[in-house]
């Protein structure tokens, strides 16, 4: 067991913790508290704590939000219900299994929300994040630089959703 306490941020203090982790990992897309509140209304967010210290966070963009974003950009929606799953761990806390635990929870949430396909986004300047995604079966399908930025965002798609397996210690599904 990792010792992580993972919660859905419900108040401004927890949303600030989520924001801190996000902004440390994704500085080109630093968010204000108001922007995080907006995200929390549209997406499923979680914060991971080791003791009282925020060490990671996740975002799950449900299929409806992914389809709405595509439409807003003038693109066709994905052919299958697609969720975006992003797990972030602060560099000082990597290599201890926290990312794997966060990713598993986020993937389970995506499935509960009806996702048949899963994508993620990683900054090209985050080689650890790209290796993490690749080790879990994600394959790059697009790369872009936002106006005014210099670092590319790498979009990756999970090659296939792995079969559902119960958490360790849980009874097998019937």
Protein backbone atom coordinates (compact mmCIF):
# COMPACT_ATOMS: atom_id res chain seq x y z
CA UNK A 1 0.00 0.00 0.00
CA UNK A 2 1.36 3.43 -0.98
CA UNK A 3 0.05 5.44 1.96
CA UNK A 4 -1.66 7.90 -0.38
CA UNK A 5 -4.92 9.54 0.60
CA UNK A 6 -6.80 10.43 -2.58
CA UNK A 7 -9.78 12.75 -2.49
CA UNK A 8 -12.05 14.71 -4.78
CA UNK A 9 -11.36 18.39 -4.05
CA UNK A 10 -14.54 20.03 -2.81
CA UNK A 11 -13.43 23.29 -1.21
CA UNK A 12 -11.06 26.06 -2.22
CA UNK A 13 -8.18 24.71 -0.11
CA UNK A 14 -8.25 21.32 -1.84
CA UNK A 15 -8.77 22.98 -5.24
CA UNK A 16 -5.66 25.09 -4.52
CA UNK A 17 -3.73 21.88 -3.79
CA UNK A 18 -4.90 20.42 -7.12
CA UNK A 19 -3.97 23.71 -8.83
CA UNK A 20 -0.49 23.72 -7.27
CA UNK A 21 0.34 20.24 -8.58
CA UNK A 22 -1.14 21.00 -12.01
CA UNK A 23 0.74 24.28 -12.37
CA UNK A 24 4.06 22.71 -11.29
CA UNK A 25 3.71 19.95 -13.91
CA UNK A 26 2.14 22.05 -16.69
CA UNK A 27 3.61 25.57 -16.33
CA UNK A 28 2.62 26.69 -19.85
CA UNK A 29 -1.03 26.15 -18.85
CA UNK A 30 -0.94 27.60 -15.32
CA UNK A 31 -4.49 27.92 -14.03
CA UNK A 32 -6.16 30.36 -11.66
CA UNK A 33 -8.42 29.16 -8.86
CA UNK A 34 -11.45 30.30 -10.88
CA UNK A 35 -10.30 28.18 -13.84
CA UNK A 36 -9.86 25.18 -11.55
CA UNK A 37 -13.37 25.68 -10.14
CA UNK A 38 -14.65 25.64 -13.74
CA UNK A 39 -12.74 22.44 -14.48
CA UNK A 40 -14.06 20.80 -11.33
CA UNK A 41 -17.60 21.46 -12.57
CA UNK A 42 -16.90 19.79 -15.95
CA UNK A 43 -14.31 17.11 -15.14
CA UNK A 44 -13.55 14.63 -12.39
CA UNK A 45 -10.56 15.89 -10.38
CA UNK A 46 -8.66 14.18 -7.56
CA UNK A 47 -5.77 15.21 -5.31
CA UNK A 48 -3.30 12.72 -3.81
CA UNK A 49 -1.79 13.43 -0.39
CA UNK A 50 1.08 11.80 1.42
CA UNK A 51 0.26 12.78 4.97
CA UNK A 52 -0.88 16.38 4.58
CA UNK A 53 1.29 17.12 1.53
CA UNK A 54 -0.23 17.20 -1.95
CA UNK A 55 1.99 15.01 -4.16
CA UNK A 56 -0.19 14.41 -7.21
CA UNK A 57 -3.48 15.02 -8.94
CA UNK A 58 -5.63 13.63 -11.71
CA UNK A 59 -8.06 14.90 -14.30
CA UNK A 60 -10.64 12.79 -16.08
CA UNK A 61 -12.41 14.59 -18.89
CA UNK A 62 -15.60 12.57 -19.41
CA UNK A 63 -16.65 11.53 -22.92
CA UNK A 64 -19.30 14.27 -23.07
CA UNK A 65 -16.69 16.94 -22.26
CA UNK A 66 -14.26 15.54 -24.86
CA UNK A 67 -17.02 15.59 -27.52
CA UNK A 68 -18.04 19.14 -26.54
CA UNK A 69 -14.42 20.35 -26.77
CA UNK A 70 -14.08 18.82 -30.25
CA UNK A 71 -17.29 20.54 -31.37
CA UNK A 72 -16.09 23.87 -29.92
CA UNK A 73 -12.90 23.51 -31.99
CA UNK A 74 -14.94 22.75 -35.13
CA UNK A 75 -13.88 19.10 -35.13
CA UNK A 76 -15.95 15.95 -35.41
CA UNK A 77 -16.46 14.18 -32.09
CA UNK A 78 -14.51 10.96 -31.51
CA UNK A 79 -16.02 7.88 -33.17
CA UNK A 80 -16.29 6.14 -29.77
CA UNK A 81 -16.99 7.68 -26.35
CA UNK A 82 -13.52 8.93 -25.38
CA UNK A 83 -12.24 10.20 -22.04
CA UNK A 84 -9.01 12.05 -21.40
CA UNK A 85 -7.14 10.67 -18.37
CA UNK A 86 -4.22 12.64 -16.90
CA UNK A 87 -2.22 11.61 -13.83
CA UNK A 88 0.36 14.05 -12.44
CA UNK A 89 2.95 13.42 -9.71
CA UNK A 90 5.38 16.06 -8.46
CA UNK A 91 8.98 15.19 -9.44
CA UNK A 92 10.18 14.73 -5.84
CA UNK A 93 7.57 12.00 -5.35
CA UNK A 94 7.99 10.01 -8.56
CA UNK A 95 9.23 6.44 -8.73
CA UNK A 96 7.18 5.23 -5.73
CA UNK A 97 4.12 3.90 -7.54
CA UNK A 98 1.97 6.98 -6.92
CA UNK A 99 1.47 7.64 -10.64
CA UNK A 100 0.42 4.03 -11.21
CA UNK A 101 -2.12 4.25 -8.39
CA UNK A 102 -3.50 7.57 -9.63
CA UNK A 103 -3.65 6.35 -13.22
CA UNK A 104 -5.53 3.17 -12.23
CA UNK A 105 -8.12 5.19 -10.32
CA UNK A 106 -8.52 7.68 -13.18
CA UNK A 107 -8.86 4.87 -15.74
CA UNK A 108 -11.56 3.23 -13.59
CA UNK A 109 -13.38 6.57 -13.38
CA UNK A 110 -13.20 6.98 -17.16
CA UNK A 111 -14.80 3.56 -17.59
CA UNK A 112 -17.52 4.39 -15.07
CA UNK A 113 -18.26 7.51 -17.14
CA UNK A 114 -18.76 5.37 -20.25
CA UNK A 115 -15.40 5.71 -22.00
CA UNK A 116 -14.67 3.14 -24.68
CA UNK A 117 -11.41 4.88 -25.62
CA UNK A 118 -8.87 6.78 -23.52
CA UNK A 119 -6.46 9.55 -24.43
CA UNK A 120 -3.93 11.59 -22.47
CA UNK A 121 -1.86 14.73 -22.99
CA UNK A 122 1.77 15.17 -21.89
CA UNK A 123 4.16 18.06 -22.43
CA UNK A 124 7.01 17.14 -24.78
CA UNK A 125 9.35 18.59 -22.14
CA UNK A 126 8.22 15.87 -19.66
CA UNK A 127 10.14 12.75 -20.75
CA UNK A 128 9.17 10.91 -17.53
CA UNK A 129 5.49 11.49 -18.30
CA UNK A 130 5.93 10.31 -21.89
CA UNK A 131 7.72 7.15 -20.70
CA UNK A 132 5.01 6.55 -18.09
CA UNK A 133 2.27 6.82 -20.74
CA UNK A 134 4.17 4.65 -23.23
CA UNK A 135 4.72 1.95 -20.62
CA UNK A 136 0.94 1.77 -20.16
CA UNK A 137 0.19 1.33 -23.85
CA UNK A 138 -0.37 4.93 -24.98
CA UNK A 139 0.72 5.78 -28.52
CA UNK A 140 1.29 9.31 -29.84
CA UNK A 141 -1.24 10.48 -32.43
CA UNK A 142 -0.80 14.26 -32.44
CA UNK A 143 1.59 16.99 -31.33
CA UNK A 144 0.89 20.74 -31.27
CA UNK A 145 2.22 24.02 -29.93
CA UNK A 146 -0.28 26.59 -28.72
CA UNK A 147 0.11 30.18 -29.94
CA UNK A 148 2.69 31.97 -27.82
CA UNK A 149 4.09 28.71 -26.39
CA UNK A 150 7.35 26.99 -27.26
CA UNK A 151 6.75 23.54 -25.77
CA UNK A 152 4.65 21.00 -27.67
CA UNK A 153 1.75 19.12 -26.16
CA UNK A 154 1.78 15.43 -27.11
CA UNK A 155 -1.58 13.70 -27.46
CA UNK A 156 -1.53 9.95 -26.92
CA UNK A 157 -4.21 7.29 -27.29
CA UNK A 158 -4.40 4.07 -25.32
CA UNK A 159 -3.92 1.26 -27.80
CA UNK A 160 -6.67 -0.79 -26.13
CA UNK A 161 -8.44 -0.67 -22.81
CA UNK A 162 -7.03 -3.42 -20.62
CA UNK A 163 -9.54 -5.84 -19.12
CA UNK A 164 -11.09 -4.81 -15.85
CA UNK A 165 -9.33 -6.39 -12.90
CA UNK A 166 -10.41 -5.97 -9.29
CA UNK A 167 -8.11 -4.12 -6.88
CA UNK A 168 -5.78 -6.35 -4.86
CA UNK A 169 -7.67 -8.04 -2.04
CA UNK A 170 -11.07 -7.61 -3.71
CA UNK A 171 -13.24 -10.60 -4.54
CA UNK A 172 -13.24 -11.63 -8.19
CA UNK A 173 -16.20 -10.36 -10.23
CA UNK A 174 -19.04 -12.86 -10.71
